[in-house]
Amino acid sequence: MELKATSLGKHLAQHPYNRVKLLNAGVQVSGEKHEYVIPFNQLLDIQCKRGLVWGELEFALPENQVVRLHGTEWQETQQFYRYLMKMWRQWSDDMSAVCADALQCQVTDIEQMANHHGWISHQALTELQADIRATLSSLPLPVARLAGFVNCCNSYTLCQQWLAEGELCRTVCNQTWMEKTLSSEQAFFDGVETTPLNVSQCRAVINGEDSVLVLAGAGSGKTSVLVAHAAWLLHRNEAMPEQILLLAFGRKAAQEMNERIQACLHTDAVQAKTFHALALHIIQHATRKAPVISRLESNGALRHELLIKTWQQQCAEKKAQAKGWREWLSEEMAWDVPDGYSPQRAQLLAALRRQNLRTRLFAVGDDWQAIYRFSGAELTLTTAFEHHFGRGERCALDTTYRFNDRIGEIANTFVQQNPHQLKKPLNSLRAGDKKAVMLLPETQLEALFDKLSSYVTPDERILVLARYHHLRPAMLDKASVRWPNLIIEFMTIHASKGQQADYVVIVGLNDGKEGFPALPRESLLEQVLLPQPEPFADAEERRLLYVALTRAKHRVLLLYDRDAPSVFVEQLQRIGVPLQRKP
């Protein structure tokens, strides 16, 4: 459904927006030069107003932003407004159920903490507040609207209370628990020492914080509190005797504590030590068994034999390592090492000669997707096919049924900037627009998912890719709640080979140590053990990005760091990929 400004209204209003289109879960406000997609999960309110002649629609957004549409025919404006409100309210009711479930889970956690009959630590409160913030940020409805839904209001209010007044709530809960505990455990506090503990001592003993400092003057019962606290841990089964260590600066104080422990706890399992005694105890236990020194440490001939044997095995098993060693020995050590040795090829030919058979090889491969480094996956197996397997015939499959022609154009042009990649046609059966491949700042990831949620259908898949697994965006932890109707999956680009999705989001297009492309190897060991770099800069990384681009059917979004963009960002721009500020 669409509402347009009249020709006269458009002329008189002189406004950048002159039409609004209803989407799956949002609206698209546009004009001759401007376009604004408003997902329902960002919409706070919709107002329908009547001007002097025409109608006016007003969309309220977070941070006091307002998007207006002027110059529409009044009756059509009312009709569109009524239909839009019905759809928005229905969506809101559906999403409020999702929010209610998520908030109820959070309320359950709050109630469990408040009623768990134990001490609530600062760390526990910090973790709870972090969970509350994560829950609120993951909800599909704007937080500002939650109080307006009956099924969300009470839960949301409780969450806000623990956010705004968390320390007060913690203190109240802890005081309530301490009063109940002091009453129910009165017998323990009366008998743990020779004289009953007073209230302040009792409160110090049962304090459950991770770090507790008891400020006390001479004769105020410091030793009594220490011994009583150890007894409390055992009484509540919060620790085993061997898990409790009491420390004192002097022998006399340690001896006194041990005597008090024996008198009160009737056990030798809990011991008090001086700091020096503890250090001596650790040293004695750490050196009880003398370390065994390997024969390799003192036997040079044995070390030489092991290194030669391992080197020969590595060269026989891995062609790339044999080549690396040969070049290193030739260049660094000035040794005369014969060239042309290939263990894999020699073994294959020898086996064929033994069999005396006529062989046929039908191989399917793509040098544009050569992204693995293990033995047998060398790029030259396709680019120098005849050299490895003898003269043959070459044919090409020239049509893709996955991505549209715009994605194909960008991906093909990008990978073929390397002149060493084989040239081959690759046509698509579907047309794509200029925004099929876009560059976005990495700060726009959440806004991107918000926009995708307005038009991606429930049966479409979104694939998030990164160069390394640890670069997985933390935002994905809340995706199932924030965007419950989106199917979002994450994997590395290497793992995505063979995968496809309707929409692909590539993150981490940055410069630096963990950037994309990855920095070249510098250590001598890496140069020897791994395949040598190709003559064209970032050749393998370029193919890796090609693999990522071609996972998408409809659209690819590449996210980069504005302060440290990848060199690929400029290269992509030069071949026609638009760079947008917002999705």
Protein backbone atom coordinates (compact mmCIF):
# COMPACT_ATOMS: atom_id res chain seq x y z
CA MET A 1 0.00 0.00 0.00
CA GLU A 2 1.31 3.43 -0.91
CA LEU A 3 0.36 7.06 -0.26
CA LYS A 4 1.61 9.84 -2.55
CA ALA A 5 1.48 13.58 -2.35
CA THR A 6 -0.63 15.29 -5.00
CA SER A 7 1.17 17.16 -7.77
CA LEU A 8 0.09 20.52 -6.37
CA GLY A 9 0.81 19.45 -2.80
CA LYS A 10 4.27 18.28 -3.81
CA HIS A 11 4.96 21.62 -5.49
CA LEU A 12 3.73 23.77 -2.61
CA ALA A 13 5.17 21.67 0.24
CA GLN A 14 8.71 21.68 -1.18
CA HIS A 15 9.50 18.78 1.16
CA PRO A 16 12.14 16.05 0.55
CA TYR A 17 9.54 13.31 1.11
CA ASN A 18 6.42 13.02 -1.03
CA ARG A 19 5.40 9.37 -0.73
CA VAL A 20 5.20 6.60 1.86
CA LYS A 21 5.09 2.88 1.16
CA LEU A 22 4.00 0.19 3.59
CA LEU A 23 6.58 -2.61 3.95
CA ASN A 24 6.48 -6.01 5.60
CA ALA A 25 7.34 -4.59 9.02
CA GLY A 26 7.98 -0.91 8.44
CA VAL A 27 7.44 2.01 6.11
CA GLN A 28 9.52 3.59 3.38
CA VAL A 29 9.32 7.38 3.12
CA SER A 30 10.88 8.70 -0.07
CA GLY A 31 11.18 11.61 -2.44
CA GLU A 32 12.94 12.48 -5.65
CA LYS A 33 16.40 12.38 -4.07
CA HIS A 34 15.85 10.97 -0.59
CA GLU A 35 14.72 7.68 0.89
CA TYR A 36 14.17 6.71 4.52
CA VAL A 37 13.23 3.21 5.69
CA ILE A 38 11.62 3.17 9.15
CA PRO A 39 11.39 -0.32 10.68
CA PHE A 40 8.53 -0.82 13.11
CA ASN A 41 11.05 -1.62 15.85
CA GLN A 42 12.25 2.02 15.69
CA LEU A 43 8.85 3.66 15.44
CA LEU A 44 7.56 5.36 18.60
CA ASP A 45 4.38 7.00 17.36
CA ILE A 46 2.41 7.92 14.23
CA GLN A 47 0.39 11.12 13.97
CA CYS A 48 -2.13 12.03 11.27
CA LYS A 49 -2.75 15.78 10.97
CA ARG A 50 -4.74 18.00 8.66
CA GLY A 51 -3.16 21.14 7.34
CA LEU A 52 -4.90 24.02 5.64
CA VAL A 53 -5.62 21.93 2.56
CA TRP A 54 -3.73 18.64 2.61
CA GLY A 55 -3.02 15.82 5.00
CA GLU A 56 0.16 15.26 6.95
CA LEU A 57 1.73 12.12 8.46
CA GLU A 58 4.31 12.37 11.23
CA PHE A 59 6.55 9.46 12.30
CA ALA A 60 8.19 9.82 15.72
CA LEU A 61 11.58 8.11 16.18
CA PRO A 62 14.05 7.78 19.08
CA GLU A 63 16.21 10.73 20.12
CA ASN A 64 13.42 13.20 19.28
CA GLN A 65 13.69 12.58 15.56
CA VAL A 66 10.62 13.16 13.40
CA VAL A 67 9.98 12.25 9.76
CA ARG A 68 7.09 14.08 8.08
CA LEU A 69 5.15 13.63 4.86
CA HIS A 70 3.23 16.63 3.48
CA GLY A 71 0.92 17.37 0.59
CA THR A 72 -1.23 14.24 0.51
CA GLU A 73 -4.96 14.19 -0.20
CA TRP A 74 -6.80 14.25 3.16
CA GLN A 75 -9.18 11.34 2.68
CA GLU A 76 -6.43 9.14 1.26
CA THR A 77 -4.23 10.16 4.18
CA GLN A 78 -6.87 9.08 6.70
CA GLN A 79 -7.43 5.79 4.92
CA PHE A 80 -3.69 5.02 4.77
CA TYR A 81 -3.26 6.09 8.40
CA ARG A 82 -6.01 3.78 9.62
CA TYR A 83 -4.61 0.81 7.73
CA LEU A 84 -1.04 1.58 8.85
CA MET A 85 -2.11 1.92 12.50
CA LYS A 86 -3.93 -1.39 12.34
CA MET A 87 -0.87 -3.15 10.92
CA TRP A 88 1.55 -1.40 13.32
CA ARG A 89 -0.58 -2.23 16.35
CA GLN A 90 -0.92 -5.85 15.26
CA TRP A 91 2.85 -6.07 14.84
CA SER A 92 3.36 -4.36 18.19
CA ASP A 93 1.00 -6.79 19.93
CA ASP A 94 2.88 -9.73 18.42
CA MET A 95 6.23 -8.29 19.43
CA SER A 96 4.97 -7.40 22.90
CA ALA A 97 4.44 -11.10 23.49
CA VAL A 98 8.10 -11.70 22.58
CA CYS A 99 9.13 -8.85 24.86
CA ALA A 100 6.94 -10.14 27.68
CA ASP A 101 8.57 -13.56 27.52
CA ALA A 102 12.07 -12.09 27.52
CA LEU A 103 11.26 -9.68 30.36
CA GLN A 104 9.62 -12.45 32.37
CA CYS A 105 12.81 -14.50 32.10
CA GLN A 106 14.71 -11.49 33.41
CA VAL A 107 12.21 -10.97 36.23
CA THR A 108 12.65 -14.62 37.18
CA ASP A 109 16.40 -14.05 37.47
CA ILE A 110 15.82 -10.95 39.61
CA GLU A 111 13.43 -12.78 41.91
CA GLN A 112 15.75 -15.74 42.24
CA MET A 113 18.55 -13.42 43.27
CA ALA A 114 16.41 -11.46 45.69
CA ASN A 115 14.92 -14.59 47.29
CA HIS A 116 17.80 -17.05 47.13
CA HIS A 117 18.44 -16.79 50.90
CA GLY A 118 22.01 -15.64 50.51
CA TRP A 119 24.23 -12.62 50.18
CA ILE A 120 24.02 -10.55 46.97
CA SER A 121 27.50 -9.39 46.06
CA HIS A 122 28.49 -6.32 44.07
CA GLN A 123 29.68 -8.59 41.30
CA ALA A 124 26.34 -10.39 41.23
CA LEU A 125 24.53 -7.03 40.97
CA THR A 126 26.83 -5.87 38.19
CA GLU A 127 26.21 -9.07 36.24
CA LEU A 128 22.46 -8.80 36.79
CA GLN A 129 22.38 -5.21 35.57
CA ALA A 130 24.43 -6.18 32.52
CA ASP A 131 21.92 -8.95 31.81
CA ILE A 132 19.03 -6.49 32.17
CA ARG A 133 20.65 -4.03 29.75
CA ALA A 134 21.34 -6.82 27.30
CA THR A 135 17.73 -7.99 27.53
CA LEU A 136 16.33 -4.49 26.98
CA SER A 137 18.64 -3.82 24.04
CA SER A 138 17.62 -7.09 22.41
CA LEU A 139 13.87 -6.47 22.52
CA PRO A 140 12.09 -5.93 19.19
CA LEU A 141 10.02 -3.07 20.63
CA PRO A 142 11.58 0.31 21.49
CA VAL A 143 12.17 0.50 25.24
CA ALA A 144 10.22 3.77 25.39
CA ARG A 145 7.02 1.89 24.39
CA LEU A 146 7.24 -1.02 26.83
CA ALA A 147 5.36 0.73 29.63
CA GLY A 148 2.36 1.06 27.31
CA PHE A 149 1.80 -2.70 27.06
CA VAL A 150 -0.06 -4.44 29.86
CA ASN A 151 1.88 -7.68 29.44
CA CYS A 152 5.23 -5.85 29.67
CA CYS A 153 4.65 -2.95 32.05
CA ASN A 154 5.25 -4.58 35.45
CA SER A 155 8.26 -6.60 34.34
CA TYR A 156 9.78 -3.57 32.64
CA THR A 157 9.24 -1.42 35.74
CA LEU A 158 11.01 -3.97 37.95
CA CYS A 159 13.94 -4.16 35.53
CA GLN A 160 14.24 -0.38 35.48
CA GLN A 161 14.13 -0.29 39.29
CA TRP A 162 17.10 -2.66 39.55
CA LEU A 163 18.97 -0.59 36.96
CA ALA A 164 18.32 2.82 38.50
CA GLU A 165 18.38 1.79 42.19
CA GLY A 166 20.34 -1.44 42.06
CA GLU A 167 22.60 -0.68 45.02
CA LEU A 168 19.63 0.25 47.20
CA CYS A 169 17.78 -2.93 46.17
CA ARG A 170 20.87 -5.00 46.94
CA THR A 171 21.28 -3.39 50.34
CA VAL A 172 17.63 -3.96 51.27
CA CYS A 173 17.81 -7.62 50.21
CA ASN A 174 21.05 -8.17 52.11
CA GLN A 175 19.74 -6.51 55.27
CA THR A 176 16.58 -8.60 55.15
CA TRP A 177 18.63 -11.77 54.68
CA MET A 178 21.01 -10.86 57.53
CA GLU A 179 18.15 -10.22 59.96
CA LYS A 180 16.58 -13.58 59.14
CA THR A 181 19.93 -15.35 59.35
CA LEU A 182 20.91 -13.80 62.66
CA SER A 183 17.58 -14.88 64.10
CA SER A 184 17.61 -18.42 62.73
CA GLU A 185 21.32 -19.02 63.52
CA GLN A 186 21.36 -17.43 66.96
CA ALA A 187 22.58 -20.64 68.57
CA PHE A 188 25.60 -20.75 66.27
CA PHE A 189 26.69 -17.21 67.12
CA ASP A 190 26.18 -17.81 70.83
CA GLY A 191 28.36 -20.92 70.88
CA VAL A 192 31.01 -20.44 68.20
CA GLU A 193 33.31 -18.59 70.64
CA THR A 194 33.69 -18.70 74.37
CA THR A 195 31.42 -15.67 74.59
CA PRO A 196 28.53 -14.86 72.24
CA LEU A 197 29.33 -12.60 69.29
CA ASN A 198 27.75 -9.17 69.20
CA VAL A 199 25.64 -7.94 66.31
CA SER A 200 28.46 -6.15 64.49
CA GLN A 201 30.69 -9.22 64.74
CA CYS A 202 27.87 -11.41 63.48
CA ARG A 203 27.27 -9.15 60.52
CA ALA A 204 30.96 -9.25 59.67
CA VAL A 205 31.07 -13.04 59.94
CA ILE A 206 28.16 -13.68 57.57
CA ASN A 207 29.05 -10.98 55.03
CA GLY A 208 29.22 -12.80 51.72
CA GLU A 209 31.08 -10.26 49.61
CA ASP A 210 34.13 -11.44 47.68
CA SER A 211 36.40 -9.01 49.53
CA VAL A 212 35.59 -7.89 53.08
CA LEU A 213 37.64 -5.47 55.18
CA VAL A 214 36.76 -5.51 58.88
CA LEU A 215 38.07 -2.32 60.51
CA ALA A 216 38.66 -3.09 64.17
CA GLY A 217 40.66 -1.63 67.07
CA ALA A 218 42.64 -3.48 69.69
CA GLY A 219 40.62 -6.01 71.67
CA SER A 220 37.55 -5.67 69.45
CA GLY A 221 37.47 -9.37 68.56
CA LYS A 222 39.44 -9.58 65.31
CA THR A 223 40.64 -13.10 66.04
CA SER A 224 37.18 -14.15 67.15
CA VAL A 225 35.70 -12.90 63.90
CA LEU A 226 38.38 -14.71 61.86
CA VAL A 227 37.80 -18.00 63.62
CA ALA A 228 34.03 -17.54 63.55
CA HIS A 229 34.08 -16.83 59.83
CA ALA A 230 36.00 -20.04 59.18
CA ALA A 231 33.46 -21.88 61.33
CA TRP A 232 30.61 -20.20 59.41
CA LEU A 233 31.95 -21.40 56.06
CA LEU A 234 32.10 -24.96 57.37
CA HIS A 235 28.69 -24.68 59.04
CA ARG A 236 27.06 -23.52 55.79
CA ASN A 237 28.97 -26.06 53.67
CA GLU A 238 30.44 -23.24 51.63
CA ALA A 239 33.98 -24.64 51.88
CA MET A 240 35.90 -27.76 52.85
CA PRO A 241 38.43 -27.53 55.70
CA GLU A 242 41.38 -27.91 53.31
CA GLN A 243 40.05 -24.96 51.29
CA ILE A 244 40.38 -22.55 54.22
CA LEU A 245 43.70 -20.84 54.96
CA LEU A 246 44.22 -18.38 57.82
CA LEU A 247 47.29 -16.16 57.65
CA ALA A 248 49.05 -14.08 60.29
CA PHE A 249 52.19 -11.95 60.22
CA GLY A 250 53.75 -13.47 63.34
CA ARG A 251 54.13 -16.93 64.81
CA LYS A 252 52.45 -15.93 68.03
CA ALA A 253 49.31 -14.73 66.28
CA ALA A 254 49.22 -17.86 64.11
CA GLN A 255 49.65 -20.06 67.17
CA GLU A 256 46.82 -18.25 68.96
CA MET A 257 44.48 -18.73 66.02
CA ASN A 258 45.33 -22.43 65.84
CA GLU A 259 44.54 -22.80 69.53
CA ARG A 260 41.23 -21.01 69.08
CA ILE A 261 40.43 -23.15 66.03
CA GLN A 262 41.13 -26.33 67.96
CA ALA A 263 39.03 -25.16 70.90
CA CYS A 264 36.09 -23.93 68.82
CA LEU A 265 36.11 -26.15 65.73
CA HIS A 266 37.73 -29.25 67.19
CA THR A 267 39.72 -29.92 64.01
CA ASP A 268 43.30 -29.82 62.78
CA ALA A 269 42.26 -29.61 59.11
CA VAL A 270 42.04 -25.81 59.25
CA GLN A 271 45.47 -24.33 59.92
CA ALA A 272 46.77 -20.82 60.46
CA LYS A 273 50.21 -19.98 59.05
CA THR A 274 52.54 -17.06 58.79
CA PHE A 275 53.26 -15.73 55.31
CA HIS A 276 56.81 -17.11 55.48
CA ALA A 277 55.55 -20.52 56.52
CA LEU A 278 53.13 -20.52 53.59
CA ALA A 279 55.95 -19.65 51.16
CA LEU A 280 58.12 -22.46 52.53
CA HIS A 281 55.19 -24.89 52.26
CA ILE A 282 54.67 -24.00 48.59
CA ILE A 283 58.37 -24.40 47.76
CA GLN A 284 58.59 -27.79 49.50
CA HIS A 285 55.56 -29.15 47.64
CA ALA A 286 56.64 -27.71 44.30
CA THR A 287 60.12 -29.31 44.46
CA ARG A 288 59.19 -32.65 46.01
CA LYS A 289 59.80 -34.42 42.67
CA ALA A 290 62.98 -33.58 40.79
CA PRO A 291 62.38 -32.67 37.12
CA VAL A 292 63.58 -35.15 34.49
CA ILE A 293 65.85 -33.60 31.85
CA SER A 294 65.49 -34.96 28.34
CA ARG A 295 68.52 -36.62 26.68
CA LEU A 296 68.07 -34.13 23.86
CA GLU A 297 69.22 -31.41 26.25
CA SER A 298 72.77 -32.82 26.53
CA ASN A 299 73.17 -35.11 23.49
CA GLY A 300 73.92 -33.09 20.35
CA ALA A 301 74.11 -36.13 18.07
CA LEU A 302 70.65 -37.24 19.17
CA ARG A 303 69.23 -33.79 18.50
CA HIS A 304 70.84 -33.79 15.04
CA GLU A 305 69.39 -37.20 14.23
CA LEU A 306 65.88 -36.14 15.31
CA LEU A 307 66.00 -32.93 13.28
CA ILE A 308 67.22 -34.68 10.12
CA LYS A 309 64.59 -37.40 10.42
CA THR A 310 61.77 -34.90 10.98
CA TRP A 311 63.00 -32.67 8.13
CA GLN A 312 63.09 -35.57 5.69
CA GLN A 313 59.58 -36.62 6.68
CA GLN A 314 58.21 -33.09 6.27
CA CYS A 315 59.81 -32.69 2.82
CA ALA A 316 58.50 -36.06 1.68
CA GLU A 317 54.94 -35.31 2.81
CA LYS A 318 54.52 -31.65 1.90
CA LYS A 319 55.68 -30.18 -1.38
CA ALA A 320 55.32 -26.60 -0.20
CA GLN A 321 57.57 -27.21 2.80
CA ALA A 322 60.16 -28.97 0.62
CA LYS A 323 60.22 -25.94 -1.66
CA GLY A 324 60.49 -23.57 1.29
CA TRP A 325 63.36 -25.49 2.82
CA ARG A 326 65.14 -25.74 -0.54
CA GLU A 327 64.93 -21.99 -1.11
CA TRP A 328 66.03 -21.21 2.43
CA LEU A 329 69.03 -23.55 2.26
CA SER A 330 70.00 -22.11 -1.13
CA GLU A 331 69.61 -18.44 -0.22
CA GLU A 332 70.56 -18.35 3.46
CA MET A 333 73.08 -21.21 3.73
CA ALA A 334 74.42 -21.07 0.12
CA TRP A 335 73.91 -24.83 -0.31
CA ASP A 336 73.57 -26.40 -3.74
CA VAL A 337 70.13 -28.08 -3.62
CA PRO A 338 68.74 -29.61 -6.86
CA ASP A 339 65.45 -28.10 -8.05
CA GLY A 340 62.33 -29.79 -9.39
CA TYR A 341 61.74 -32.36 -6.65
CA SER A 342 58.04 -33.01 -6.10
CA PRO A 343 57.20 -35.91 -3.75
CA GLN A 344 53.50 -35.97 -4.63
CA ARG A 345 54.05 -36.03 -8.39
CA ALA A 346 56.84 -38.59 -8.19
CA GLN A 347 54.74 -40.92 -6.06
CA LEU A 348 51.72 -40.59 -8.39
CA LEU A 349 53.73 -41.32 -11.54
CA ALA A 350 55.47 -44.27 -9.91
CA ALA A 351 52.13 -45.76 -8.91
CA LEU A 352 50.77 -45.34 -12.43
CA ARG A 353 53.82 -47.00 -13.95
CA ARG A 354 53.45 -49.96 -11.59
CA GLN A 355 49.82 -50.39 -12.59
CA ASN A 356 50.61 -49.90 -16.32
CA LEU A 357 47.11 -48.53 -16.77
CA ARG A 358 45.61 -45.88 -19.06
CA THR A 359 44.23 -43.26 -16.70
CA ARG A 360 41.52 -40.64 -17.14
CA LEU A 361 41.23 -37.61 -14.91
CA PHE A 362 38.05 -35.50 -14.79
CA ALA A 363 38.71 -32.61 -12.39
CA VAL A 364 36.39 -29.78 -11.43
CA GLY A 365 37.92 -26.76 -9.71
CA ASP A 366 37.95 -22.99 -9.42
CA ASP A 367 41.19 -21.09 -8.97
CA TRP A 368 39.16 -18.07 -7.82
CA GLN A 369 38.18 -20.01 -4.69
CA ALA A 370 41.60 -21.46 -3.83
CA ILE A 371 41.63 -20.36 -0.19
CA TYR A 372 43.11 -23.36 1.66
CA ARG A 373 46.78 -24.01 2.34
CA PHE A 374 46.95 -27.71 3.06
CA SER A 375 48.97 -29.98 0.79
CA GLY A 376 47.07 -30.82 -2.36
CA ALA A 377 45.13 -27.54 -2.48
CA GLU A 378 47.78 -25.52 -4.30
CA LEU A 379 46.52 -22.87 -6.72
CA THR A 380 48.80 -24.23 -9.45
CA LEU A 381 46.79 -27.45 -9.64
CA THR A 382 44.29 -25.42 -11.69
CA THR A 383 46.37 -22.55 -13.11
CA ALA A 384 49.12 -24.95 -14.25
CA PHE A 385 46.99 -28.01 -14.83
CA GLU A 386 48.88 -29.25 -17.87
CA HIS A 387 52.21 -28.94 -16.10
CA HIS A 388 51.04 -31.29 -13.35
CA PHE A 389 48.85 -33.73 -15.27
CA GLY A 390 49.90 -33.45 -18.94
CA ARG A 391 48.24 -31.81 -21.90
CA GLY A 392 44.45 -31.74 -21.81
CA GLU A 393 41.34 -29.85 -22.78
CA ARG A 394 39.82 -26.87 -20.95
CA CYS A 395 36.14 -25.95 -20.89
CA ALA A 396 34.14 -23.55 -18.73
CA LEU A 397 30.76 -23.40 -17.02
CA ASP A 398 29.69 -19.83 -17.66
CA THR A 399 26.41 -19.39 -15.75
CA THR A 400 25.70 -18.95 -12.05
CA TYR A 401 22.27 -19.65 -10.56
CA ARG A 402 23.04 -18.12 -7.16
CA PHE A 403 23.87 -14.42 -7.14
CA ASN A 404 22.55 -11.60 -9.30
CA ASP A 405 24.56 -9.95 -12.07
CA ARG A 406 25.59 -6.98 -9.92
CA ILE A 407 27.20 -9.19 -7.28
CA GLY A 408 28.80 -11.22 -10.06
CA GLU A 409 30.17 -8.11 -11.76
CA ILE A 410 31.78 -6.80 -8.57
CA ALA A 411 33.13 -10.17 -7.41
CA ASN A 412 34.51 -11.13 -10.83
CA THR A 413 36.13 -7.76 -11.45
CA PHE A 414 37.67 -7.75 -7.99
CA VAL A 415 39.23 -11.22 -8.16
CA GLN A 416 40.45 -10.75 -11.73
CA GLN A 417 42.45 -7.68 -10.76
CA ASN A 418 45.04 -10.35 -10.06
CA PRO A 419 46.40 -11.08 -13.55
CA HIS A 420 47.49 -14.55 -12.45
CA GLN A 421 43.88 -15.69 -11.97
CA LEU A 422 42.41 -17.49 -14.95
CA LYS A 423 40.00 -15.45 -17.04
CA LYS A 424 36.62 -17.05 -17.50
CA PRO A 425 33.08 -15.81 -18.16
CA LEU A 426 30.49 -16.08 -15.41
CA ASN A 427 26.99 -14.86 -16.20
CA SER A 428 23.95 -14.56 -13.98
CA LEU A 429 20.31 -15.19 -14.85
CA ARG A 430 19.06 -12.49 -12.45
CA ALA A 431 19.48 -8.73 -12.48
CA GLY A 432 20.57 -6.80 -9.40
CA ASP A 433 20.48 -3.10 -8.51
CA LYS A 434 23.40 -0.84 -7.64
CA LYS A 435 22.89 -1.49 -3.94
CA ALA A 436 23.36 -5.23 -4.30
CA VAL A 437 26.89 -4.67 -2.93
CA MET A 438 27.45 -1.84 -0.43
CA LEU A 439 30.12 -0.61 1.98
CA LEU A 440 29.00 0.53 5.44
CA PRO A 441 30.80 1.71 8.61
CA GLU A 442 30.99 -1.10 11.18
CA THR A 443 29.11 1.09 13.66
CA GLN A 444 25.99 0.65 11.50
CA LEU A 445 25.65 -3.10 12.11
CA GLU A 446 22.69 -2.80 14.45
CA ALA A 447 20.98 -0.26 12.20
CA LEU A 448 21.57 -2.63 9.31
CA PHE A 449 19.80 -5.50 11.05
CA ASP A 450 16.98 -3.15 12.00
CA LYS A 451 16.50 -2.25 8.36
CA LEU A 452 16.77 -5.85 7.21
CA SER A 453 14.07 -6.77 9.70
CA SER A 454 11.66 -4.50 7.84
CA TYR A 455 11.74 -6.41 4.57
CA VAL A 456 13.54 -9.74 4.93
CA THR A 457 10.98 -12.54 4.99
CA PRO A 458 11.00 -15.31 7.62
CA ASP A 459 12.17 -17.91 5.11
CA GLU A 460 15.21 -15.90 3.97
CA ARG A 461 18.64 -16.51 5.49
CA ILE A 462 21.20 -13.91 6.60
CA LEU A 463 24.82 -15.04 6.81
CA VAL A 464 27.36 -13.02 8.83
CA LEU A 465 30.96 -13.72 7.80
CA ALA A 466 34.31 -12.75 9.31
CA ARG A 467 37.97 -13.46 8.58
CA TYR A 468 38.43 -15.06 12.02
CA HIS A 469 35.98 -16.75 14.35
CA HIS A 470 36.84 -14.52 17.32
CA LEU A 471 35.66 -11.49 15.32
CA ARG A 472 32.05 -12.66 15.70
CA PRO A 473 30.02 -9.52 16.56
CA ALA A 474 28.82 -9.58 20.17
CA MET A 475 25.55 -8.12 18.92
CA LEU A 476 24.62 -11.53 17.54
CA ASP A 477 24.11 -12.76 21.13
CA LYS A 478 20.88 -10.78 21.28
CA ALA A 479 19.80 -11.34 17.68
CA SER A 480 17.24 -14.06 18.42
CA VAL A 481 15.32 -11.72 20.72
CA ARG A 482 15.97 -8.37 19.05
CA TRP A 483 15.09 -9.67 15.59
CA PRO A 484 13.07 -12.83 16.26
CA ASN A 485 11.85 -13.11 12.68
CA LEU A 486 15.33 -13.03 11.13
CA ILE A 487 17.38 -16.17 10.47
CA ILE A 488 20.93 -15.02 11.24
CA GLU A 489 23.92 -17.34 11.19
CA PHE A 490 27.63 -16.67 11.73
CA MET A 491 30.69 -18.46 10.42
CA THR A 492 34.18 -17.75 9.16
CA ILE A 493 34.67 -17.13 5.46
CA HIS A 494 36.65 -20.33 5.15
CA ALA A 495 33.79 -22.30 6.70
CA SER A 496 31.26 -20.60 4.43
CA LYS A 497 32.67 -22.14 1.28
CA GLY A 498 29.85 -24.17 -0.24
CA GLN A 499 27.22 -22.17 1.67
CA GLN A 500 24.71 -19.68 0.34
CA ALA A 501 22.30 -17.17 1.84
CA ASP A 502 19.85 -14.55 0.66
CA TYR A 503 21.82 -11.77 2.36
CA VAL A 504 25.48 -11.75 3.39
CA VAL A 505 27.05 -9.37 5.91
CA ILE A 506 30.88 -9.31 5.87
CA VAL A 507 32.40 -7.78 9.02
CA GLY A 508 35.98 -6.88 9.87
CA LEU A 509 37.03 -5.21 6.60
CA ASN A 510 39.73 -3.41 8.55
CA ASP A 511 43.46 -2.79 8.50
CA GLY A 512 45.87 -4.03 11.13
CA LYS A 513 47.09 -7.21 12.79
CA GLU A 514 43.73 -8.96 12.70
CA GLY A 515 42.46 -7.16 9.65
CA PHE A 516 41.31 -8.29 6.25
CA PRO A 517 43.47 -8.79 4.26
CA ALA A 518 45.68 -10.48 6.82
CA LEU A 519 49.18 -9.09 7.22
CA PRO A 520 51.93 -10.98 5.35
CA ARG A 521 54.04 -13.49 7.25
CA GLU A 522 57.33 -12.17 8.58
CA SER A 523 58.98 -14.91 10.61
CA LEU A 524 61.53 -17.18 8.94
CA LEU A 525 59.83 -20.29 10.33
CA GLU A 526 56.50 -19.32 8.74
CA GLN A 527 58.20 -18.60 5.43
CA VAL A 528 59.80 -22.05 5.47
CA LEU A 529 56.83 -24.12 6.65
CA LEU A 530 54.00 -22.47 4.71
CA PRO A 531 53.54 -21.90 0.96
CA GLN A 532 55.39 -18.93 -0.41
CA PRO A 533 53.44 -15.70 -1.11
CA GLU A 534 52.11 -15.20 -4.61
CA PRO A 535 53.56 -12.45 -6.79
CA PHE A 536 50.34 -10.39 -6.68
CA ALA A 537 49.67 -8.56 -3.40
CA ASP A 538 47.04 -10.15 -1.14
CA ALA A 539 46.19 -12.71 -3.80
CA GLU A 540 44.86 -15.35 -1.44
CA GLU A 541 42.99 -12.79 0.68
CA ARG A 542 41.44 -11.41 -2.51
CA ARG A 543 40.12 -14.87 -3.34
CA LEU A 544 38.84 -15.18 0.21
CA LEU A 545 36.79 -12.01 -0.20
CA TYR A 546 35.55 -13.32 -3.53
CA VAL A 547 34.26 -16.42 -1.73
CA ALA A 548 32.50 -14.23 0.82
CA LEU A 549 30.90 -12.01 -1.81
CA THR A 550 29.57 -14.92 -3.77
CA ARG A 551 27.72 -16.53 -0.87
CA ALA A 552 24.85 -14.03 -1.35
CA LYS A 553 21.81 -14.36 -3.57
CA HIS A 554 20.42 -10.84 -3.33
CA ARG A 555 22.67 -8.47 -1.39
CA VAL A 556 26.13 -8.16 0.20
CA LEU A 557 26.90 -5.63 2.94
CA LEU A 558 30.58 -5.04 3.76
CA LEU A 559 31.36 -3.39 7.10
CA TYR A 560 34.64 -1.56 7.64
CA ASP A 561 36.42 0.55 10.29
CA ARG A 562 36.33 4.23 9.35
CA ASP A 563 39.55 4.93 11.29
CA ALA A 564 41.47 1.95 9.88
CA PRO A 565 39.80 0.73 6.69
CA SER A 566 41.08 -2.26 4.76
CA VAL A 567 42.94 -1.60 1.51
CA PHE A 568 40.11 -3.56 -0.10
CA VAL A 569 37.67 -0.73 0.73
CA GLU A 570 39.29 1.71 -1.71
CA GLN A 571 39.72 -1.02 -4.31
CA LEU A 572 36.04 -1.94 -4.09
CA GLN A 573 35.04 1.70 -4.40
CA ARG A 574 37.12 2.04 -7.56
CA ILE A 575 35.19 -0.77 -9.23
CA GLY A 576 31.82 0.76 -8.39
CA VAL A 577 30.82 -0.40 -4.89
CA PRO A 578 28.95 2.49 -3.22
CA LEU A 579 30.01 3.66 0.23
CA GLN A 580 27.01 4.58 2.40
CA ARG A 581 26.88 6.36 5.76
CA LYS A 582 23.78 4.43 6.81
CA PRO A 583 22.07 1.27 5.55
